[in-house]
Amino acid sequence: MAELVLKGGRVIDPSQNLDGIADVVFADGRVKAVGRDAPHARDAEVRDAKGLNVAAGLIDPHTHVYWGGTSLGVDAPALARTSGTTTFVDAGSSGPGNFHGFRRHVIEPAPVRILPYLNISFAGIYAFSATVMVGECADIRLLDLRECRKVA
């Protein structure tokens, strides 16, 4: 795989105490070098990043990414491509009744990391629209910690 160079962007990485103009060189899916005029292969693909911020993948700590499984769900891979988010923390979109489907059909095939919380409601989050508003905890019969323990 050829190298990719993001050239001349503002590199922000608090973990490395970086905040300045630099190049970032990627090889084999990993950062190979960071710095002004960082060395790279002659055949590297170079992209101009002047005027842009370059940062490590972002973490969104409150999302609902069970796309198609809940009316609040967004498509995590599509959102990741435009937001720089590489990790999504799903804040309880699914409950014990549909968590296995969420895991198999959304989490496992996703090219991004999804860390899910389990909703205490058996059905998870559902029924939100302009005309329908039913909270997942509106009916206490849907709340069963035994079911949560079985899935967890």
C-alpha atoms as a PDB file:
ATOM      1  CA  MET A   1       0.000   0.000   0.000  1.00  0.00           C
ATOM      2  CA  ALA A   2       1.367   3.399  -0.994  1.00  0.00           C
ATOM      3  CA  GLU A   3       1.942   6.085   1.571  1.00  0.00           C
ATOM      4  CA  LEU A   4      -0.457   8.958   2.071  1.00  0.00           C
ATOM      5  CA  VAL A   5       0.782  12.385   3.139  1.00  0.00           C
ATOM      6  CA  LEU A   6      -1.420  15.121   4.582  1.00  0.00           C
ATOM      7  CA  LYS A   7       0.781  18.132   3.910  1.00  0.00           C
ATOM      8  CA  GLY A   8       0.841  21.419   5.774  1.00  0.00           C
ATOM      9  CA  GLY A   9      -2.252  21.082   7.957  1.00  0.00           C
ATOM     10  CA  ARG A  10      -2.616  22.213  11.550  1.00  0.00           C
ATOM     11  CA  VAL A  11      -1.887  19.013  13.487  1.00  0.00           C
ATOM     12  CA  ILE A  12      -3.612  18.868  16.869  1.00  0.00           C
ATOM     13  CA  ASP A  13      -2.768  15.975  19.171  1.00  0.00           C
ATOM     14  CA  PRO A  14      -2.825  16.804  22.890  1.00  0.00           C
ATOM     15  CA  SER A  15      -1.502  13.318  23.754  1.00  0.00           C
ATOM     16  CA  GLN A  16       1.736  14.192  21.911  1.00  0.00           C
ATOM     17  CA  ASN A  17       1.708  17.886  22.887  1.00  0.00           C
ATOM     18  CA  LEU A  18       1.307  18.847  19.212  1.00  0.00           C
ATOM     19  CA  ASP A  19      -0.455  21.928  17.931  1.00  0.00           C
ATOM     20  CA  GLY A  20       1.137  23.376  14.822  1.00  0.00           C
ATOM     21  CA  ILE A  21       1.650  23.157  11.096  1.00  0.00           C
ATOM     22  CA  ALA A  22       3.083  19.801  10.054  1.00  0.00           C
ATOM     23  CA  ASP A  23       2.825  16.884   7.653  1.00  0.00           C
ATOM     24  CA  VAL A  24       1.371  13.519   8.631  1.00  0.00           C
ATOM     25  CA  VAL A  25       2.597  10.452   6.753  1.00  0.00           C
ATOM     26  CA  PHE A  26       0.523   7.254   6.768  1.00  0.00           C
ATOM     27  CA  ALA A  27       1.714   3.802   5.707  1.00  0.00           C
ATOM     28  CA  ASP A  28      -0.041   0.452   6.103  1.00  0.00           C
ATOM     29  CA  GLY A  29      -2.987   2.107   7.831  1.00  0.00           C
ATOM     30  CA  ARG A  30      -0.880   3.728  10.547  1.00  0.00           C
ATOM     31  CA  VAL A  31       0.851   7.039  11.184  1.00  0.00           C
ATOM     32  CA  LYS A  32       4.454   6.662  10.061  1.00  0.00           C
ATOM     33  CA  ALA A  33       5.759  10.174  10.694  1.00  0.00           C
ATOM     34  CA  VAL A  34       4.651  13.608  11.858  1.00  0.00           C
ATOM     35  CA  GLY A  35       6.601  16.824  11.418  1.00  0.00           C
ATOM     36  CA  ARG A  36       7.496  19.664   9.121  1.00  0.00           C
ATOM     37  CA  ASP A  37       8.560  18.187   5.784  1.00  0.00           C
ATOM     38  CA  ALA A  38       8.213  14.673   7.204  1.00  0.00           C
ATOM     39  CA  PRO A  39      10.080  12.130   5.053  1.00  0.00           C
ATOM     40  CA  HIS A  40       7.914  10.020   2.750  1.00  0.00           C
ATOM     41  CA  ALA A  41       8.195   7.737  -0.259  1.00  0.00           C
ATOM     42  CA  ARG A  42       8.607   9.312  -3.687  1.00  0.00           C
ATOM     43  CA  ASP A  43       5.409   7.683  -4.947  1.00  0.00           C
ATOM     44  CA  ALA A  44       3.340   8.759  -1.934  1.00  0.00           C
ATOM     45  CA  GLU A  45      -0.065  10.299  -2.527  1.00  0.00           C
ATOM     46  CA  VAL A  46       0.212  13.863  -1.244  1.00  0.00           C
ATOM     47  CA  ARG A  47      -2.882  15.831  -0.264  1.00  0.00           C
ATOM     48  CA  ASP A  48      -2.751  19.522   0.518  1.00  0.00           C
ATOM     49  CA  ALA A  49      -4.075  20.119   4.056  1.00  0.00           C
ATOM     50  CA  LYS A  50      -3.193  23.815   4.312  1.00  0.00           C
ATOM     51  CA  GLY A  51      -5.914  25.645   6.230  1.00  0.00           C
ATOM     52  CA  LEU A  52      -7.337  22.383   7.603  1.00  0.00           C
ATOM     53  CA  ASN A  53      -7.140  20.807  11.049  1.00  0.00           C
ATOM     54  CA  VAL A  54      -5.665  17.323  11.253  1.00  0.00           C
ATOM     55  CA  ALA A  55      -6.493  15.378  14.406  1.00  0.00           C
ATOM     56  CA  ALA A  56      -6.692  11.825  15.652  1.00  0.00           C
ATOM     57  CA  GLY A  57     -10.076  10.134  15.292  1.00  0.00           C
ATOM     58  CA  LEU A  58     -12.744  11.758  17.422  1.00  0.00           C
ATOM     59  CA  ILE A  59     -14.984  10.036  19.981  1.00  0.00           C
ATOM     60  CA  ASP A  60     -18.669  10.945  20.163  1.00  0.00           C
ATOM     61  CA  PRO A  61     -19.741  10.047  23.718  1.00  0.00           C
ATOM     62  CA  HIS A  62     -23.528  10.164  23.159  1.00  0.00           C
ATOM     63  CA  THR A  63     -24.970   8.734  19.958  1.00  0.00           C
ATOM     64  CA  HIS A  64     -27.796   6.543  18.724  1.00  0.00           C
ATOM     65  CA  VAL A  65     -26.413   4.517  15.829  1.00  0.00           C
ATOM     66  CA  TYR A  66     -28.954   1.699  15.526  1.00  0.00           C
ATOM     67  CA  TRP A  67     -29.873   2.941  12.048  1.00  0.00           C
ATOM     68  CA  GLY A  68     -33.124   1.296  10.947  1.00  0.00           C
ATOM     69  CA  GLY A  69     -33.721  -0.146  14.407  1.00  0.00           C
ATOM     70  CA  THR A  70     -34.877   3.061  16.058  1.00  0.00           C
ATOM     71  CA  SER A  71     -36.274   6.310  14.741  1.00  0.00           C
ATOM     72  CA  LEU A  72     -33.332   8.167  16.332  1.00  0.00           C
ATOM     73  CA  GLY A  73     -30.622   6.014  14.749  1.00  0.00           C
ATOM     74  CA  VAL A  74     -28.021   7.513  12.424  1.00  0.00           C
ATOM     75  CA  ASP A  75     -25.714   5.677  10.009  1.00  0.00           C
ATOM     76  CA  ALA A  76     -22.382   5.651  11.883  1.00  0.00           C
ATOM     77  CA  PRO A  77     -20.104   4.814   8.911  1.00  0.00           C
ATOM     78  CA  ALA A  78     -21.677   7.551   6.767  1.00  0.00           C
ATOM     79  CA  LEU A  79     -21.403  10.069   9.604  1.00  0.00           C
ATOM     80  CA  ALA A  80     -17.804   9.052  10.298  1.00  0.00           C
ATOM     81  CA  ARG A  81     -16.753   9.894   6.737  1.00  0.00           C
ATOM     82  CA  THR A  82     -17.844  13.508   7.167  1.00  0.00           C
ATOM     83  CA  SER A  83     -17.096  14.113  10.845  1.00  0.00           C
ATOM     84  CA  GLY A  84     -13.738  12.527  11.645  1.00  0.00           C
ATOM     85  CA  THR A  85     -15.418  10.391  14.304  1.00  0.00           C
ATOM     86  CA  THR A  86     -13.891   6.935  14.686  1.00  0.00           C
ATOM     87  CA  THR A  87     -15.616   5.849  17.897  1.00  0.00           C
ATOM     88  CA  PHE A  88     -19.317   6.149  18.669  1.00  0.00           C
ATOM     89  CA  VAL A  89     -20.704   5.472  22.145  1.00  0.00           C
ATOM     90  CA  ASP A  90     -24.295   4.353  21.610  1.00  0.00           C
ATOM     91  CA  ALA A  91     -26.313   5.605  24.579  1.00  0.00           C
ATOM     92  CA  GLY A  92     -28.820   2.768  24.799  1.00  0.00           C
ATOM     93  CA  SER A  93     -30.538   2.546  21.415  1.00  0.00           C
ATOM     94  CA  SER A  94     -31.188  -1.148  21.909  1.00  0.00           C
ATOM     95  CA  GLY A  95     -32.526  -3.107  24.837  1.00  0.00           C
ATOM     96  CA  PRO A  96     -32.441  -6.800  25.725  1.00  0.00           C
ATOM     97  CA  GLY A  97     -35.097  -7.556  23.105  1.00  0.00           C
ATOM     98  CA  ASN A  98     -33.101  -6.298  20.116  1.00  0.00           C
ATOM     99  CA  PHE A  99     -29.482  -5.984  21.237  1.00  0.00           C
ATOM    100  CA  HIS A 100     -28.351  -9.138  19.416  1.00  0.00           C
ATOM    101  CA  GLY A 101     -29.647  -7.725  16.112  1.00  0.00           C
ATOM    102  CA  PHE A 102     -27.947  -4.392  16.804  1.00  0.00           C
ATOM    103  CA  ARG A 103     -24.670  -6.184  17.466  1.00  0.00           C
ATOM    104  CA  ARG A 104     -24.844  -8.476  14.429  1.00  0.00           C
ATOM    105  CA  HIS A 105     -26.244  -6.059  11.854  1.00  0.00           C
ATOM    106  CA  VAL A 106     -24.716  -2.725  12.922  1.00  0.00           C
ATOM    107  CA  ILE A 107     -21.811  -3.059  15.372  1.00  0.00           C
ATOM    108  CA  GLU A 108     -19.944  -6.071  13.953  1.00  0.00           C
ATOM    109  CA  PRO A 109     -19.873  -5.001  10.275  1.00  0.00           C
ATOM    110  CA  ALA A 110     -19.144  -1.328  11.030  1.00  0.00           C
ATOM    111  CA  PRO A 111     -15.753  -0.021   9.881  1.00  0.00           C
ATOM    112  CA  VAL A 112     -15.821   2.288  12.931  1.00  0.00           C
ATOM    113  CA  ARG A 113     -15.831   1.396  16.614  1.00  0.00           C
ATOM    114  CA  ILE A 114     -19.215   1.349  18.328  1.00  0.00           C
ATOM    115  CA  LEU A 115     -19.350   0.987  22.108  1.00  0.00           C
ATOM    116  CA  PRO A 116     -22.952   0.284  23.162  1.00  0.00           C
ATOM    117  CA  TYR A 117     -24.812   0.857  26.386  1.00  0.00           C
ATOM    118  CA  LEU A 118     -27.772  -1.466  26.942  1.00  0.00           C
ATOM    119  CA  ASN A 119     -31.109   0.269  27.482  1.00  0.00           C
ATOM    120  CA  ILE A 120     -33.003  -0.920  30.555  1.00  0.00           C
ATOM    121  CA  SER A 121     -36.169  -0.998  28.405  1.00  0.00           C
ATOM    122  CA  PHE A 122     -36.668  -4.375  26.729  1.00  0.00           C
ATOM    123  CA  ALA A 123     -37.425  -2.671  23.418  1.00  0.00           C
ATOM    124  CA  GLY A 124     -34.730  -0.001  23.613  1.00  0.00           C
ATOM    125  CA  ILE A 125     -35.482   3.461  22.261  1.00  0.00           C
ATOM    126  CA  TYR A 126     -38.444   3.687  19.903  1.00  0.00           C
ATOM    127  CA  ALA A 127     -41.402   5.697  18.622  1.00  0.00           C
ATOM    128  CA  PHE A 128     -40.217   9.252  18.258  1.00  0.00           C
ATOM    129  CA  SER A 129     -41.538  11.325  15.360  1.00  0.00           C
ATOM    130  CA  ALA A 130     -43.411  14.551  14.758  1.00  0.00           C
ATOM    131  CA  THR A 131     -46.700  12.789  15.530  1.00  0.00           C
ATOM    132  CA  VAL A 132     -45.721   9.841  17.756  1.00  0.00           C
ATOM    133  CA  MET A 133     -43.959  10.324  21.078  1.00  0.00           C
ATOM    134  CA  VAL A 134     -43.736   7.247  23.278  1.00  0.00           C
ATOM    135  CA  GLY A 135     -40.748   6.986  25.593  1.00  0.00           C
ATOM    136  CA  GLU A 136     -39.187   3.591  26.139  1.00  0.00           C
ATOM    137  CA  CYS A 137     -39.858   3.835  29.879  1.00  0.00           C
ATOM    138  CA  ALA A 138     -43.487   4.986  29.545  1.00  0.00           C
ATOM    139  CA  ASP A 139     -44.691   1.470  30.312  1.00  0.00           C
ATOM    140  CA  ILE A 140     -42.976   0.087  33.399  1.00  0.00           C
ATOM    141  CA  ARG A 141     -43.703  -3.464  32.234  1.00  0.00           C
ATOM    142  CA  LEU A 142     -40.924  -3.018  29.647  1.00  0.00           C
ATOM    143  CA  LEU A 143     -38.281  -2.543  32.365  1.00  0.00           C
ATOM    144  CA  ASP A 144     -36.807  -5.833  33.524  1.00  0.00           C
ATOM    145  CA  LEU A 145     -33.293  -6.021  34.910  1.00  0.00           C
ATOM    146  CA  ARG A 146     -33.328  -9.831  34.665  1.00  0.00           C
ATOM    147  CA  GLU A 147     -33.561  -9.515  30.889  1.00  0.00           C
ATOM    148  CA  CYS A 148     -30.728  -6.981  30.900  1.00  0.00           C
ATOM    149  CA  ARG A 149     -28.508  -9.343  32.905  1.00  0.00           C
ATOM    150  CA  LYS A 150     -29.176 -12.194  30.459  1.00  0.00           C
ATOM    151  CA  VAL A 151     -27.999 -10.087  27.534  1.00  0.00           C
ATOM    152  CA  ALA A 152     -25.107  -8.431  29.329  1.00  0.00           C
END
